[in-house]
C-alpha atoms as a PDB file:
ATOM      1  CA  MET A   1     -13.319  -0.193   1.479  1.00  0.00           C
ATOM      2  CA  TYR A   2     -12.523   2.000   4.419  1.00  0.00           C
ATOM      3  CA  ALA A   3     -11.914   5.702   4.921  1.00  0.00           C
ATOM      4  CA  ASP A   4      -8.822   7.326   6.385  1.00  0.00           C
ATOM      5  CA  GLU A   5      -7.288  10.790   6.259  1.00  0.00           C
ATOM      6  CA  TYR A   6      -6.560  10.250   2.554  1.00  0.00           C
ATOM      7  CA  GLY A   7     -10.177   9.442   1.676  1.00  0.00           C
ATOM      8  CA  LEU A   8     -11.777   6.171   0.627  1.00  0.00           C
ATOM      9  CA  VAL A   9      -9.337   3.358   0.084  1.00  0.00           C
ATOM     10  CA  SER A  10      -9.978   0.227  -1.945  1.00  0.00           C
ATOM     11  CA  CYS A  11      -8.188  -2.847  -0.784  1.00  0.00           C
ATOM     12  CA  ALA A  12      -7.640  -6.288  -2.218  1.00  0.00           C
ATOM     13  CA  CYS A  13      -6.932  -9.626  -0.661  1.00  0.00           C
ATOM     14  CA  ASN A  14      -4.823 -12.437  -2.074  1.00  0.00           C
ATOM     15  CA  GLY A  15      -5.798 -14.919   0.620  1.00  0.00           C
ATOM     16  CA  THR A  16      -2.863 -14.223   2.907  1.00  0.00           C
ATOM     17  CA  ARG A  17      -2.461 -10.437   2.716  1.00  0.00           C
ATOM     18  CA  HIS A  18      -4.608  -7.405   2.213  1.00  0.00           C
ATOM     19  CA  LEU A  19      -3.205  -4.663   0.005  1.00  0.00           C
ATOM     20  CA  ALA A  20      -4.218  -1.051  -0.583  1.00  0.00           C
ATOM     21  CA  ASN A  21      -2.410   1.356  -2.910  1.00  0.00           C
ATOM     22  CA  ILE A  22      -2.358   4.874  -1.476  1.00  0.00           C
ATOM     23  CA  THR A  23      -1.384   7.934  -3.509  1.00  0.00           C
ATOM     24  CA  TYR A  24       0.824  10.219  -1.441  1.00  0.00           C
ATOM     25  CA  GLU A  25       2.133  13.655  -2.417  1.00  0.00           C
ATOM     26  CA  ILE A  26       5.852  14.025  -1.697  1.00  0.00           C
ATOM     27  CA  LYS A  27       6.730  16.807   0.742  1.00  0.00           C
ATOM     28  CA  LYS A  28      10.026  18.552   1.461  1.00  0.00           C
ATOM     29  CA  GLY A  29      12.475  16.186   3.168  1.00  0.00           C
ATOM     30  CA  ASP A  30      10.525  13.021   2.276  1.00  0.00           C
ATOM     31  CA  SER A  31      12.131   9.775   1.251  1.00  0.00           C
ATOM     32  CA  TYR A  32      10.384   6.485   0.601  1.00  0.00           C
ATOM     33  CA  TYR A  33      11.931   5.137   3.798  1.00  0.00           C
ATOM     34  CA  LEU A  34      10.826   8.041   6.023  1.00  0.00           C
ATOM     35  CA  VAL A  35       7.285   8.130   4.661  1.00  0.00           C
ATOM     36  CA  SER A  36       7.015   4.352   5.031  1.00  0.00           C
ATOM     37  CA  ILE A  37       7.925   4.416   8.714  1.00  0.00           C
ATOM     38  CA  ASP A  38       6.618   7.824   9.833  1.00  0.00           C
ATOM     39  CA  VAL A  39       3.473   8.465   7.796  1.00  0.00           C
ATOM     40  CA  PHE A  40       2.352   4.894   7.139  1.00  0.00           C
ATOM     41  CA  GLU A  41       3.782   3.439  10.373  1.00  0.00           C
ATOM     42  CA  ASN A  42       5.568   0.484   8.758  1.00  0.00           C
ATOM     43  CA  LEU A  43       2.502  -0.714   6.839  1.00  0.00           C
ATOM     44  CA  THR A  44       4.801  -0.707   3.815  1.00  0.00           C
ATOM     45  CA  ASN A  45       8.524  -0.616   3.123  1.00  0.00           C
ATOM     46  CA  TRP A  46      10.652   1.429   0.775  1.00  0.00           C
ATOM     47  CA  HIS A  47      11.388  -1.602  -1.442  1.00  0.00           C
ATOM     48  CA  ALA A  48       7.688  -2.032  -2.206  1.00  0.00           C
ATOM     49  CA  VAL A  49       7.256   1.708  -2.794  1.00  0.00           C
ATOM     50  CA  GLU A  50      10.214   1.830  -5.172  1.00  0.00           C
ATOM     51  CA  GLY A  51       8.779  -1.133  -7.087  1.00  0.00           C
ATOM     52  CA  ALA A  52       5.365   0.546  -7.333  1.00  0.00           C
ATOM     53  CA  ASN A  53       6.929   3.727  -8.790  1.00  0.00           C
ATOM     54  CA  PRO A  54       9.449   2.567 -11.417  1.00  0.00           C
ATOM     55  CA  THR A  55       9.472   5.898 -13.268  1.00  0.00           C
ATOM     56  CA  LEU A  56      10.465   7.950 -10.202  1.00  0.00           C
ATOM     57  CA  ASP A  57      14.042   8.384  -9.005  1.00  0.00           C
ATOM     58  CA  PRO A  58      13.932   7.555  -5.270  1.00  0.00           C
ATOM     59  CA  VAL A  59      17.036   9.622  -4.496  1.00  0.00           C
ATOM     60  CA  ALA A  60      15.731  12.738  -6.275  1.00  0.00           C
ATOM     61  CA  LEU A  61      12.056  12.954  -5.275  1.00  0.00           C
ATOM     62  CA  GLN A  62      10.473  16.251  -6.228  1.00  0.00           C
ATOM     63  CA  VAL A  63       8.080  18.063  -3.870  1.00  0.00           C
ATOM     64  CA  GLY A  64       4.515  17.698  -5.145  1.00  0.00           C
ATOM     65  CA  THR A  65       5.164  14.443  -7.013  1.00  0.00           C
ATOM     66  CA  LYS A  66       2.421  11.865  -6.517  1.00  0.00           C
ATOM     67  CA  SER A  67       3.767   8.483  -5.479  1.00  0.00           C
ATOM     68  CA  ILE A  68       2.035   5.146  -4.864  1.00  0.00           C
ATOM     69  CA  PHE A  69       2.541   3.545  -1.447  1.00  0.00           C
ATOM     70  CA  PRO A  70       1.320  -0.060  -1.320  1.00  0.00           C
ATOM     71  CA  LEU A  71       0.097  -0.732   2.215  1.00  0.00           C
ATOM     72  CA  PHE A  72       0.008  -4.236   3.630  1.00  0.00           C
ATOM     73  CA  LEU A  73      -2.987  -4.374   5.939  1.00  0.00           C
END
């Protein structure tokens, strides 16, 4: 585990990649793509985020919605 601005983060390893699922609260103007590149600095991509949040509509994200961002460390 390590700590970042979001708190303690648990990560897992599959032998070739390390993965951590981060819960992020959607803000005004956010899209999965923008958050992936701006907030998480390309440690994930919008395809992975969309797959991790199958119940959310990626083109109609609501402010305040909690979304999972899988980070590849």
